Amino acid sequence: MIEVTRLKGKKMMINAELIETVEETPDTVITLTNGKKFVVSESAEEVTSLVIGYKRKIFALFLDSGNKAENV
């Protein structure tokens, strides 16, 4: 999940795995694979960075758990 900000300032969490597109129109619109759309205050570049950070955390957890399994 990544945290983004709605235009009125309310924070919300979006499942990064469900993001299909991120567009600037000029507001940033995140479209999920189920067709739901969210307008957020972050730029498309910021959303991309949030998703990359999320993926890095997931892969780091995966790699850490794999190393522990190998050492047992």
Protein backbone atom coordinates (compact mmCIF):
# COMPACT_ATOMS: atom_id res chain seq x y z
CA MET A 1 0.00 0.00 0.00
CA ILE A 2 1.14 3.54 -0.69
CA GLU A 3 -0.12 6.67 1.03
CA VAL A 4 -1.40 9.48 -1.20
CA THR A 5 -3.29 12.70 -0.56
CA ARG A 6 -6.70 13.54 -1.96
CA LEU A 7 -7.12 17.10 -3.25
CA LYS A 8 -8.86 18.23 -0.04
CA GLY A 9 -5.86 17.08 2.00
CA LYS A 10 -7.19 13.76 3.29
CA LYS A 11 -4.63 10.94 3.31
CA MET A 12 -5.56 7.54 1.92
CA MET A 13 -3.87 4.24 1.17
CA ILE A 14 -3.95 2.68 -2.30
CA ASN A 15 -2.94 -0.86 -3.16
CA ALA A 16 0.10 -0.28 -5.38
CA GLU A 17 -0.39 -3.71 -6.97
CA LEU A 18 -3.71 -2.55 -8.47
CA ILE A 19 -2.45 0.63 -10.16
CA GLU A 20 -2.97 0.45 -13.90
CA THR A 21 -2.23 4.04 -14.96
CA VAL A 22 -1.10 7.35 -13.49
CA GLU A 23 -1.93 10.45 -15.55
CA GLU A 24 -1.50 14.19 -15.07
CA THR A 25 -4.52 15.98 -16.57
CA PRO A 26 -3.25 18.47 -14.97
CA ASP A 27 -4.37 16.86 -11.67
CA THR A 28 -2.88 13.44 -11.07
CA VAL A 29 -5.39 10.66 -11.69
CA ILE A 30 -4.62 7.12 -10.52
CA THR A 31 -6.66 4.44 -12.28
CA LEU A 32 -6.83 0.98 -10.73
CA THR A 33 -7.27 -2.29 -12.58
CA ASN A 34 -10.90 -2.43 -11.39
CA GLY A 35 -11.64 0.91 -13.12
CA LYS A 36 -11.79 3.05 -9.97
CA LYS A 37 -10.14 6.45 -10.31
CA PHE A 38 -8.61 8.65 -7.64
CA VAL A 39 -7.47 12.26 -8.02
CA VAL A 40 -4.46 12.97 -5.80
CA SER A 41 -2.23 15.94 -5.06
CA GLU A 42 1.04 14.05 -5.66
CA SER A 43 2.60 14.30 -9.11
CA ALA A 44 2.86 11.26 -11.36
CA GLU A 45 6.59 11.20 -10.63
CA GLU A 46 5.92 11.18 -6.86
CA VAL A 47 3.41 8.33 -7.22
CA THR A 48 5.98 6.39 -9.25
CA SER A 49 8.59 6.93 -6.51
CA LEU A 50 6.12 5.74 -3.87
CA VAL A 51 5.40 2.57 -5.86
CA ILE A 52 9.12 1.91 -6.38
CA GLY A 53 9.72 2.36 -2.64
CA TYR A 54 6.87 -0.04 -1.86
CA LYS A 55 8.24 -2.65 -4.28
CA ARG A 56 11.74 -2.32 -2.80
CA LYS A 57 10.35 -3.01 0.69
CA ILE A 58 8.48 -6.09 -0.56
CA PHE A 59 11.52 -7.48 -2.38
CA ALA A 60 13.78 -6.75 0.61
CA LEU A 61 11.41 -8.70 2.88
CA PHE A 62 11.36 -11.54 0.37
CA LEU A 63 15.14 -11.62 0.11
CA ASP A 64 15.57 -11.44 3.90
CA SER A 65 13.16 -14.30 4.48
CA GLY A 66 14.90 -16.33 1.77
CA ASN A 67 18.29 -15.84 3.39
CA LYS A 68 16.93 -16.95 6.76
CA ALA A 69 15.46 -20.09 5.21
CA GLU A 70 18.81 -20.94 3.62
CA ASN A 71 20.64 -20.53 6.95
CA VAL A 72 18.33 -22.88 8.85
